[in-house]
Amino acid sequence: MKLSQLKHWLKAHDGKAPKCILTSYAGCSDYLMEVEFKHQLEPLKDDNDAMLRFQSIEQVKDLLRPLGITSVVLRVTDPYDEFSPDGKVSECREDMTISL
């Protein structure tokens, strides 16, 4: 989903914000954003179809807060999670809600 589409959607739906997932991958220094659209996660992209990358949660806040989005789900993904309690490979991710 392009950022311009998200802005249009928020105006058309009276500010009712979709679920936004901010993903952090182990070993990476930036965050990627996905927006839930029709029960599917769509990467948030700029008008040139490049994925938006954020260096900090403050950058996310600066972009989304003026649009009326007050929280996101931070999803930390660690494909190297070898410490599951049952010894089996886990989903290797943790979700938490972050207020903006």
C-alpha atoms as a PDB file:
ATOM      1  CA  MET A   1       0.000   0.000   0.000  1.00  0.00           C
ATOM      2  CA  LYS A   2       1.375   3.377  -0.958  1.00  0.00           C
ATOM      3  CA  LEU A   3       1.553   6.109   1.662  1.00  0.00           C
ATOM      4  CA  SER A   4      -0.720   8.287  -0.479  1.00  0.00           C
ATOM      5  CA  GLN A   5      -3.322   5.480  -0.501  1.00  0.00           C
ATOM      6  CA  LEU A   6      -3.129   5.205   3.290  1.00  0.00           C
ATOM      7  CA  LYS A   7      -3.671   8.959   3.648  1.00  0.00           C
ATOM      8  CA  HIS A   8      -6.682   8.804   1.307  1.00  0.00           C
ATOM      9  CA  TRP A   9      -8.092   5.788   3.199  1.00  0.00           C
ATOM     10  CA  LEU A  10      -7.820   7.562   6.551  1.00  0.00           C
ATOM     11  CA  LYS A  11      -9.703  10.585   5.176  1.00  0.00           C
ATOM     12  CA  ALA A  12     -12.395   8.410   3.564  1.00  0.00           C
ATOM     13  CA  HIS A  13     -12.970   6.336   6.714  1.00  0.00           C
ATOM     14  CA  ASP A  14     -13.227   9.312   9.078  1.00  0.00           C
ATOM     15  CA  GLY A  15      -9.825   8.607  10.603  1.00  0.00           C
ATOM     16  CA  LYS A  16     -10.558   4.984  11.498  1.00  0.00           C
ATOM     17  CA  ALA A  17      -7.012   3.677  11.494  1.00  0.00           C
ATOM     18  CA  PRO A  18      -6.089   0.268  10.108  1.00  0.00           C
ATOM     19  CA  LYS A  19      -3.811  -2.043  12.049  1.00  0.00           C
ATOM     20  CA  CYS A  20      -0.207  -1.025  11.427  1.00  0.00           C
ATOM     21  CA  ILE A  21       2.632  -3.476  12.049  1.00  0.00           C
ATOM     22  CA  LEU A  22       6.146  -2.119  12.532  1.00  0.00           C
ATOM     23  CA  THR A  23       8.618  -4.954  12.006  1.00  0.00           C
ATOM     24  CA  SER A  24      12.130  -5.171  13.370  1.00  0.00           C
ATOM     25  CA  TYR A  25      14.352  -8.001  12.168  1.00  0.00           C
ATOM     26  CA  ALA A  26      17.273  -9.309  14.204  1.00  0.00           C
ATOM     27  CA  GLY A  27      20.532  -7.983  12.849  1.00  0.00           C
ATOM     28  CA  CYS A  28      18.895  -5.092  10.962  1.00  0.00           C
ATOM     29  CA  SER A  29      19.055  -1.483  12.061  1.00  0.00           C
ATOM     30  CA  ASP A  30      15.827  -0.283  10.461  1.00  0.00           C
ATOM     31  CA  TYR A  31      12.094  -0.934  10.734  1.00  0.00           C
ATOM     32  CA  LEU A  32       9.586  -1.807   8.014  1.00  0.00           C
ATOM     33  CA  MET A  33       5.880  -0.934   8.141  1.00  0.00           C
ATOM     34  CA  GLU A  34       2.953  -3.070   7.019  1.00  0.00           C
ATOM     35  CA  VAL A  35      -0.717  -2.079   6.975  1.00  0.00           C
ATOM     36  CA  GLU A  36      -3.586  -4.547   7.326  1.00  0.00           C
ATOM     37  CA  PHE A  37      -5.865  -4.303   4.294  1.00  0.00           C
ATOM     38  CA  LYS A  38      -8.669  -6.854   3.750  1.00  0.00           C
ATOM     39  CA  HIS A  39      -7.105  -9.150   6.373  1.00  0.00           C
ATOM     40  CA  GLN A  40      -3.766  -9.121   4.524  1.00  0.00           C
ATOM     41  CA  LEU A  41      -0.601  -7.260   5.453  1.00  0.00           C
ATOM     42  CA  GLU A  42       0.579  -4.876   2.760  1.00  0.00           C
ATOM     43  CA  PRO A  43       4.028  -3.252   2.927  1.00  0.00           C
ATOM     44  CA  LEU A  44       3.892   0.538   3.222  1.00  0.00           C
ATOM     45  CA  LYS A  45       5.593   2.082   0.189  1.00  0.00           C
ATOM     46  CA  ASP A  46       6.379   5.517  -1.156  1.00  0.00           C
ATOM     47  CA  ASP A  47       4.996   6.802  -4.470  1.00  0.00           C
ATOM     48  CA  ASN A  48       7.964   5.248  -6.301  1.00  0.00           C
ATOM     49  CA  ASP A  49       6.937   1.796  -4.997  1.00  0.00           C
ATOM     50  CA  ALA A  50       9.937   1.537  -2.649  1.00  0.00           C
ATOM     51  CA  MET A  51       9.328   0.188   0.842  1.00  0.00           C
ATOM     52  CA  LEU A  52       9.455   2.832   3.537  1.00  0.00           C
ATOM     53  CA  ARG A  53      12.240   2.218   6.031  1.00  0.00           C
ATOM     54  CA  PHE A  54      12.489   3.868   9.421  1.00  0.00           C
ATOM     55  CA  GLN A  55      15.625   4.331  11.514  1.00  0.00           C
ATOM     56  CA  SER A  56      13.699   4.873  14.753  1.00  0.00           C
ATOM     57  CA  ILE A  57      10.250   4.692  16.285  1.00  0.00           C
ATOM     58  CA  GLU A  58      10.386   8.508  16.498  1.00  0.00           C
ATOM     59  CA  GLN A  59      10.428   8.632  12.678  1.00  0.00           C
ATOM     60  CA  VAL A  60       7.353   6.397  12.638  1.00  0.00           C
ATOM     61  CA  LYS A  61       5.647   8.687  15.147  1.00  0.00           C
ATOM     62  CA  ASP A  62       6.486  11.791  13.086  1.00  0.00           C
ATOM     63  CA  LEU A  63       4.898  10.212  10.006  1.00  0.00           C
ATOM     64  CA  LEU A  64       1.811   8.528  11.480  1.00  0.00           C
ATOM     65  CA  ARG A  65       0.767  10.779  14.368  1.00  0.00           C
ATOM     66  CA  PRO A  66      -0.334  13.677  12.090  1.00  0.00           C
ATOM     67  CA  LEU A  67      -2.468  11.127  10.193  1.00  0.00           C
ATOM     68  CA  GLY A  68      -4.354  10.234  13.375  1.00  0.00           C
ATOM     69  CA  ILE A  69      -2.673   6.888  14.012  1.00  0.00           C
ATOM     70  CA  THR A  70      -1.908   6.711  17.720  1.00  0.00           C
ATOM     71  CA  SER A  71      -0.458   3.210  18.084  1.00  0.00           C
ATOM     72  CA  VAL A  72       1.286   0.482  16.130  1.00  0.00           C
ATOM     73  CA  VAL A  73       2.134  -3.134  16.804  1.00  0.00           C
ATOM     74  CA  LEU A  74       5.876  -3.625  17.092  1.00  0.00           C
ATOM     75  CA  ARG A  75       6.778  -7.071  15.789  1.00  0.00           C
ATOM     76  CA  VAL A  76      10.270  -8.227  16.667  1.00  0.00           C
ATOM     77  CA  THR A  77      11.366 -11.130  14.470  1.00  0.00           C
ATOM     78  CA  ASP A  78      14.384 -13.234  15.384  1.00  0.00           C
ATOM     79  CA  PRO A  79      14.982 -16.191  13.052  1.00  0.00           C
ATOM     80  CA  TYR A  80      17.799 -17.313  15.346  1.00  0.00           C
ATOM     81  CA  ASP A  81      15.528 -17.997  18.339  1.00  0.00           C
ATOM     82  CA  GLU A  82      16.922 -21.287  19.590  1.00  0.00           C
ATOM     83  CA  PHE A  83      15.707 -21.021  23.149  1.00  0.00           C
ATOM     84  CA  SER A  84      12.091 -22.171  22.832  1.00  0.00           C
ATOM     85  CA  PRO A  85      10.822 -23.858  26.017  1.00  0.00           C
ATOM     86  CA  ASP A  86       9.882 -27.106  24.282  1.00  0.00           C
ATOM     87  CA  GLY A  87      13.032 -27.359  22.139  1.00  0.00           C
ATOM     88  CA  LYS A  88      11.043 -26.914  18.921  1.00  0.00           C
ATOM     89  CA  VAL A  89      11.403 -24.082  16.469  1.00  0.00           C
ATOM     90  CA  SER A  90       9.084 -21.287  17.553  1.00  0.00           C
ATOM     91  CA  GLU A  91       7.498 -18.612  15.402  1.00  0.00           C
ATOM     92  CA  CYS A  92      10.487 -16.488  16.389  1.00  0.00           C
ATOM     93  CA  ARG A  93       8.487 -13.308  16.816  1.00  0.00           C
ATOM     94  CA  GLU A  94       7.104 -11.175  19.591  1.00  0.00           C
ATOM     95  CA  ASP A  95       4.325  -8.586  19.202  1.00  0.00           C
ATOM     96  CA  MET A  96       3.727  -5.589  21.464  1.00  0.00           C
ATOM     97  CA  THR A  97       1.589  -2.481  21.118  1.00  0.00           C
ATOM     98  CA  ILE A  98       3.458   0.828  21.099  1.00  0.00           C
ATOM     99  CA  SER A  99       1.672   4.143  21.682  1.00  0.00           C
ATOM    100  CA  LEU A 100       2.845   6.941  19.418  1.00  0.00           C
END
